[in-house]
Amino acid sequence: MGHVIYNVALILEPSVEHEWREWMLAVHIPEVLRVPGFLDATMYRQEVVGVPAARPQYVNSYRVQSREALQAYCDGAEAKRLRAEHEARFGDRVTALRTVWSVVQTYCGIDK
């Protein structure tokens, strides 16, 4: 089995966006990437074309070596510690939804 994508979608109160983003980039994401099996991460910020966003929305997308590595992380103490730290810092000012995506097909450099 190949890698999986672990997405954490987040909706923020505007008042915490700067603090949250700085903490995510400097502390949280690097700590997650120290976990065995986590290969890399990308943070995305959503913008809806033509519609001002009421609340900032982000997705932290982690590429993980395998479903088993992700499950070991989710069941382990490190995930519980990181989630508790996030909750203590931001509480209900940030809402998170976690999803796992499996690769169906990858395309590279299709000739035109």
N, C-alpha and C. Protein backbone atom coordinates (compact mmCIF):
# COMPACT_ATOMS: atom_id res chain seq x y z
N MET A 1 0.85 -1.19 0.00
CA MET A 1 0.00 0.00 0.00
C MET A 1 0.89 1.24 0.00
N GLY A 2 0.48 2.29 -0.72
CA GLY A 2 1.25 3.51 -0.82
C GLY A 2 0.93 4.50 0.27
N HIS A 3 1.40 5.70 0.05
CA HIS A 3 1.19 6.75 1.05
C HIS A 3 -0.28 7.20 1.08
N VAL A 4 -0.62 7.91 2.14
CA VAL A 4 -1.95 8.51 2.28
C VAL A 4 -1.77 9.99 2.57
N ILE A 5 -2.82 10.75 2.31
CA ILE A 5 -2.85 12.16 2.64
C ILE A 5 -3.77 12.34 3.84
N TYR A 6 -3.23 12.96 4.86
CA TYR A 6 -3.98 13.26 6.08
C TYR A 6 -4.24 14.76 6.07
N ASN A 7 -5.49 15.13 5.85
CA ASN A 7 -5.87 16.55 5.79
C ASN A 7 -6.55 16.97 7.08
N VAL A 8 -6.13 18.10 7.59
CA VAL A 8 -6.79 18.70 8.73
C VAL A 8 -7.34 20.05 8.26
N ALA A 9 -8.65 20.11 8.07
CA ALA A 9 -9.31 21.35 7.65
C ALA A 9 -9.67 22.14 8.89
N LEU A 10 -9.39 23.45 8.85
CA LEU A 10 -9.56 24.28 10.03
C LEU A 10 -10.31 25.56 9.68
N ILE A 11 -11.27 25.90 10.53
CA ILE A 11 -12.00 27.15 10.40
C ILE A 11 -11.68 27.97 11.64
N LEU A 12 -11.22 29.21 11.41
CA LEU A 12 -10.71 30.04 12.50
C LEU A 12 -11.58 31.25 12.77
N GLU A 13 -11.59 31.68 14.01
CA GLU A 13 -12.10 33.02 14.33
C GLU A 13 -11.07 34.00 13.78
N PRO A 14 -11.50 35.04 13.10
CA PRO A 14 -10.54 35.99 12.53
C PRO A 14 -9.54 36.56 13.54
N SER A 15 -9.96 36.72 14.78
CA SER A 15 -9.10 37.33 15.80
C SER A 15 -7.86 36.50 16.13
N VAL A 16 -7.86 35.20 15.82
CA VAL A 16 -6.71 34.35 16.16
C VAL A 16 -5.90 33.94 14.93
N GLU A 17 -6.29 34.40 13.75
CA GLU A 17 -5.64 33.91 12.54
C GLU A 17 -4.13 34.12 12.54
N HIS A 18 -3.66 35.30 12.82
CA HIS A 18 -2.21 35.56 12.77
C HIS A 18 -1.46 34.70 13.79
N GLU A 19 -1.92 34.72 15.04
CA GLU A 19 -1.26 33.93 16.09
C GLU A 19 -1.29 32.44 15.75
N TRP A 20 -2.44 31.95 15.31
CA TRP A 20 -2.58 30.53 14.98
C TRP A 20 -1.65 30.14 13.84
N ARG A 21 -1.61 30.94 12.77
CA ARG A 21 -0.78 30.61 11.61
C ARG A 21 0.70 30.61 11.99
N GLU A 22 1.13 31.61 12.74
CA GLU A 22 2.54 31.66 13.16
C GLU A 22 2.91 30.45 14.02
N TRP A 23 2.03 30.09 14.95
CA TRP A 23 2.28 28.94 15.82
C TRP A 23 2.28 27.64 15.01
N MET A 24 1.34 27.50 14.08
CA MET A 24 1.29 26.31 13.22
C MET A 24 2.59 26.13 12.46
N LEU A 25 3.04 27.21 11.81
CA LEU A 25 4.23 27.14 10.96
C LEU A 25 5.51 26.93 11.75
N ALA A 26 5.63 27.57 12.90
CA ALA A 26 6.87 27.51 13.67
C ALA A 26 6.95 26.33 14.63
N VAL A 27 5.79 25.88 15.12
CA VAL A 27 5.79 24.86 16.19
C VAL A 27 5.06 23.59 15.80
N HIS A 28 3.77 23.71 15.53
CA HIS A 28 2.93 22.52 15.40
C HIS A 28 3.30 21.63 14.22
N ILE A 29 3.36 22.19 13.02
CA ILE A 29 3.66 21.37 11.84
C ILE A 29 5.04 20.73 11.96
N PRO A 30 6.10 21.46 12.37
CA PRO A 30 7.39 20.79 12.55
C PRO A 30 7.34 19.64 13.56
N GLU A 31 6.53 19.78 14.63
CA GLU A 31 6.41 18.69 15.59
C GLU A 31 5.71 17.48 14.96
N VAL A 32 4.68 17.71 14.18
CA VAL A 32 4.01 16.59 13.50
C VAL A 32 4.99 15.89 12.56
N LEU A 33 5.80 16.66 11.86
CA LEU A 33 6.72 16.06 10.88
C LEU A 33 7.85 15.27 11.54
N ARG A 34 8.04 15.42 12.84
CA ARG A 34 9.01 14.59 13.56
C ARG A 34 8.48 13.18 13.85
N VAL A 35 7.18 13.00 13.68
CA VAL A 35 6.55 11.70 13.94
C VAL A 35 6.96 10.73 12.83
N PRO A 36 7.39 9.50 13.18
CA PRO A 36 7.76 8.53 12.16
C PRO A 36 6.63 8.30 11.15
N GLY A 37 7.00 8.31 9.87
CA GLY A 37 6.04 8.06 8.81
C GLY A 37 5.50 9.32 8.15
N PHE A 38 5.60 10.48 8.82
CA PHE A 38 5.16 11.73 8.21
C PHE A 38 6.26 12.24 7.29
N LEU A 39 5.94 12.42 6.01
CA LEU A 39 6.94 12.73 5.01
C LEU A 39 7.08 14.22 4.73
N ASP A 40 5.97 14.92 4.58
CA ASP A 40 6.00 16.36 4.33
C ASP A 40 4.61 16.93 4.58
N ALA A 41 4.54 18.26 4.53
CA ALA A 41 3.26 18.94 4.81
C ALA A 41 3.16 20.18 3.94
N THR A 42 1.93 20.54 3.63
CA THR A 42 1.63 21.77 2.91
C THR A 42 0.44 22.43 3.59
N MET A 43 0.55 23.74 3.83
CA MET A 43 -0.57 24.48 4.39
C MET A 43 -1.22 25.28 3.26
N TYR A 44 -2.55 25.19 3.18
CA TYR A 44 -3.33 25.93 2.19
C TYR A 44 -4.29 26.86 2.91
N ARG A 45 -4.51 28.04 2.33
CA ARG A 45 -5.53 28.96 2.84
C ARG A 45 -6.59 29.09 1.76
N GLN A 46 -7.84 28.88 2.13
CA GLN A 46 -8.93 28.92 1.16
C GLN A 46 -9.33 30.35 0.85
N GLU A 47 -9.58 30.60 -0.43
CA GLU A 47 -10.16 31.86 -0.87
C GLU A 47 -11.28 31.49 -1.85
N VAL A 48 -12.47 31.98 -1.60
CA VAL A 48 -13.59 31.74 -2.49
C VAL A 48 -13.66 32.92 -3.45
N VAL A 49 -13.58 32.63 -4.72
CA VAL A 49 -13.55 33.69 -5.74
C VAL A 49 -14.85 34.49 -5.71
N GLY A 50 -14.71 35.79 -5.56
CA GLY A 50 -15.86 36.68 -5.60
C GLY A 50 -16.68 36.76 -4.34
N VAL A 51 -16.29 36.03 -3.29
CA VAL A 51 -17.07 36.04 -2.05
C VAL A 51 -16.10 36.24 -0.88
N PRO A 52 -16.28 37.31 -0.11
CA PRO A 52 -15.40 37.49 1.05
C PRO A 52 -15.68 36.41 2.10
N ALA A 53 -14.63 35.82 2.62
CA ALA A 53 -14.78 34.77 3.63
C ALA A 53 -15.16 35.37 4.97
N ALA A 54 -16.16 34.80 5.61
CA ALA A 54 -16.57 35.26 6.93
C ALA A 54 -15.55 34.82 7.98
N ARG A 55 -15.01 33.63 7.82
CA ARG A 55 -14.01 33.09 8.75
C ARG A 55 -12.88 32.47 7.92
N PRO A 56 -11.64 32.73 8.28
CA PRO A 56 -10.51 32.14 7.56
C PRO A 56 -10.57 30.61 7.63
N GLN A 57 -10.26 29.98 6.50
CA GLN A 57 -10.23 28.51 6.44
C GLN A 57 -8.90 28.04 5.87
N TYR A 58 -8.35 27.03 6.50
CA TYR A 58 -7.07 26.45 6.11
C TYR A 58 -7.20 24.95 6.01
N VAL A 59 -6.26 24.34 5.27
CA VAL A 59 -6.08 22.90 5.28
C VAL A 59 -4.59 22.64 5.45
N ASN A 60 -4.26 21.85 6.46
CA ASN A 60 -2.90 21.34 6.60
C ASN A 60 -2.92 19.94 6.02
N SER A 61 -2.15 19.75 4.97
CA SER A 61 -2.16 18.48 4.24
C SER A 61 -0.82 17.78 4.48
N TYR A 62 -0.88 16.62 5.13
CA TYR A 62 0.32 15.86 5.46
C TYR A 62 0.38 14.61 4.58
N ARG A 63 1.53 14.37 3.99
CA ARG A 63 1.74 13.12 3.25
C ARG A 63 2.39 12.15 4.23
N VAL A 64 1.73 11.00 4.40
CA VAL A 64 2.16 10.00 5.38
C VAL A 64 2.53 8.72 4.65
N GLN A 65 3.59 8.08 5.10
CA GLN A 65 4.15 6.91 4.43
C GLN A 65 3.14 5.79 4.19
N SER A 66 2.26 5.56 5.15
CA SER A 66 1.28 4.47 5.00
C SER A 66 0.10 4.71 5.93
N ARG A 67 -0.97 4.00 5.66
CA ARG A 67 -2.16 4.06 6.53
C ARG A 67 -1.80 3.57 7.93
N GLU A 68 -0.93 2.56 7.99
CA GLU A 68 -0.50 2.01 9.29
C GLU A 68 0.27 3.05 10.11
N ALA A 69 1.14 3.81 9.44
CA ALA A 69 1.89 4.86 10.15
C ALA A 69 0.94 5.93 10.68
N LEU A 70 -0.05 6.30 9.88
CA LEU A 70 -1.03 7.28 10.33
C LEU A 70 -1.83 6.75 11.50
N GLN A 71 -2.25 5.50 11.42
CA GLN A 71 -3.03 4.91 12.51
C GLN A 71 -2.22 4.85 13.80
N ALA A 72 -0.94 4.51 13.68
CA ALA A 72 -0.07 4.48 14.86
C ALA A 72 0.02 5.87 15.50
N TYR A 73 0.12 6.90 14.67
CA TYR A 73 0.14 8.27 15.18
C TYR A 73 -1.20 8.61 15.86
N CYS A 74 -2.32 8.34 15.19
CA CYS A 74 -3.64 8.68 15.73
C CYS A 74 -3.92 7.98 17.05
N ASP A 75 -3.42 6.75 17.19
CA ASP A 75 -3.65 5.98 18.42
C ASP A 75 -2.65 6.31 19.53
N GLY A 76 -1.59 7.04 19.18
CA GLY A 76 -0.50 7.25 20.12
C GLY A 76 -0.61 8.49 20.97
N ALA A 77 0.34 8.60 21.88
CA ALA A 77 0.37 9.71 22.83
C ALA A 77 0.69 11.04 22.15
N GLU A 78 1.48 11.03 21.08
CA GLU A 78 1.88 12.28 20.43
C GLU A 78 0.67 13.01 19.84
N ALA A 79 -0.23 12.30 19.18
CA ALA A 79 -1.43 12.95 18.63
C ALA A 79 -2.28 13.53 19.75
N LYS A 80 -2.42 12.80 20.82
CA LYS A 80 -3.21 13.30 21.95
C LYS A 80 -2.57 14.55 22.55
N ARG A 81 -1.25 14.55 22.68
CA ARG A 81 -0.55 15.72 23.23
C ARG A 81 -0.70 16.93 22.32
N LEU A 82 -0.50 16.73 21.02
CA LEU A 82 -0.59 17.85 20.08
C LEU A 82 -2.01 18.42 20.02
N ARG A 83 -3.01 17.56 20.03
CA ARG A 83 -4.40 18.05 20.01
C ARG A 83 -4.74 18.79 21.31
N ALA A 84 -4.27 18.28 22.43
CA ALA A 84 -4.53 18.94 23.71
C ALA A 84 -3.85 20.31 23.76
N GLU A 85 -2.65 20.40 23.22
CA GLU A 85 -1.94 21.69 23.18
C GLU A 85 -2.69 22.69 22.31
N HIS A 86 -3.17 22.22 21.16
CA HIS A 86 -3.94 23.09 20.26
C HIS A 86 -5.23 23.56 20.95
N GLU A 87 -5.90 22.64 21.59
CA GLU A 87 -7.15 22.95 22.30
C GLU A 87 -6.91 23.96 23.42
N ALA A 88 -5.84 23.77 24.18
CA ALA A 88 -5.53 24.68 25.28
C ALA A 88 -5.22 26.09 24.77
N ARG A 89 -4.56 26.17 23.62
CA ARG A 89 -4.18 27.47 23.05
C ARG A 89 -5.33 28.20 22.38
N PHE A 90 -6.16 27.45 21.64
CA PHE A 90 -7.15 28.10 20.78
C PHE A 90 -8.60 27.74 21.10
N GLY A 91 -8.81 26.68 21.85
CA GLY A 91 -10.16 26.30 22.28
C GLY A 91 -11.15 26.25 21.14
N ASP A 92 -12.32 26.83 21.37
CA ASP A 92 -13.38 26.78 20.37
C ASP A 92 -13.25 27.89 19.32
N ARG A 93 -12.14 28.61 19.33
CA ARG A 93 -11.90 29.64 18.31
C ARG A 93 -11.40 29.04 16.99
N VAL A 94 -11.07 27.74 17.04
CA VAL A 94 -10.64 27.01 15.84
C VAL A 94 -11.39 25.68 15.82
N THR A 95 -12.01 25.37 14.69
CA THR A 95 -12.71 24.11 14.50
C THR A 95 -11.93 23.26 13.50
N ALA A 96 -11.71 21.98 13.83
CA ALA A 96 -10.91 21.11 12.96
C ALA A 96 -11.74 19.92 12.49
N LEU A 97 -11.51 19.53 11.25
CA LEU A 97 -12.10 18.33 10.66
C LEU A 97 -10.97 17.55 10.02
N ARG A 98 -10.80 16.30 10.42
CA ARG A 98 -9.70 15.47 9.92
C ARG A 98 -10.21 14.42 8.94
N THR A 99 -9.52 14.31 7.79
CA THR A 99 -9.88 13.31 6.78
C THR A 99 -8.62 12.62 6.26
N VAL A 100 -8.81 11.42 5.74
CA VAL A 100 -7.70 10.66 5.15
C VAL A 100 -8.05 10.37 3.70
N TRP A 101 -7.08 10.61 2.82
CA TRP A 101 -7.25 10.40 1.39
C TRP A 101 -6.24 9.37 0.92
N SER A 102 -6.72 8.39 0.17
CA SER A 102 -5.85 7.36 -0.42
C SER A 102 -5.64 7.68 -1.90
N VAL A 103 -4.45 7.39 -2.38
CA VAL A 103 -4.13 7.64 -3.78
C VAL A 103 -4.87 6.64 -4.66
N VAL A 104 -5.55 7.14 -5.67
CA VAL A 104 -6.22 6.31 -6.66
C VAL A 104 -5.34 6.19 -7.90
N GLN A 105 -4.85 7.33 -8.37
CA GLN A 105 -4.01 7.36 -9.58
C GLN A 105 -3.19 8.63 -9.53
N THR A 106 -1.95 8.54 -10.00
CA THR A 106 -1.09 9.71 -10.12
C THR A 106 -0.73 9.90 -11.58
N TYR A 107 -0.80 11.12 -12.05
CA TYR A 107 -0.44 11.46 -13.43
C TYR A 107 0.76 12.40 -13.38
N CYS A 108 1.67 12.21 -14.30
CA CYS A 108 2.84 13.08 -14.40
C CYS A 108 3.06 13.48 -15.86
N GLY A 109 3.33 14.75 -16.07
CA GLY A 109 3.79 15.27 -17.36
C GLY A 109 3.09 14.73 -18.59
N ILE A 110 1.79 14.91 -18.69
CA ILE A 110 1.07 14.46 -19.88
C ILE A 110 1.45 15.36 -21.05
N ASP A 111 1.89 14.74 -22.15
CA ASP A 111 2.27 15.50 -23.34
C ASP A 111 1.04 16.16 -23.94
N LYS A 112 1.24 17.39 -24.43
CA LYS A 112 0.12 18.13 -25.02
C LYS A 112 0.28 18.18 -26.51
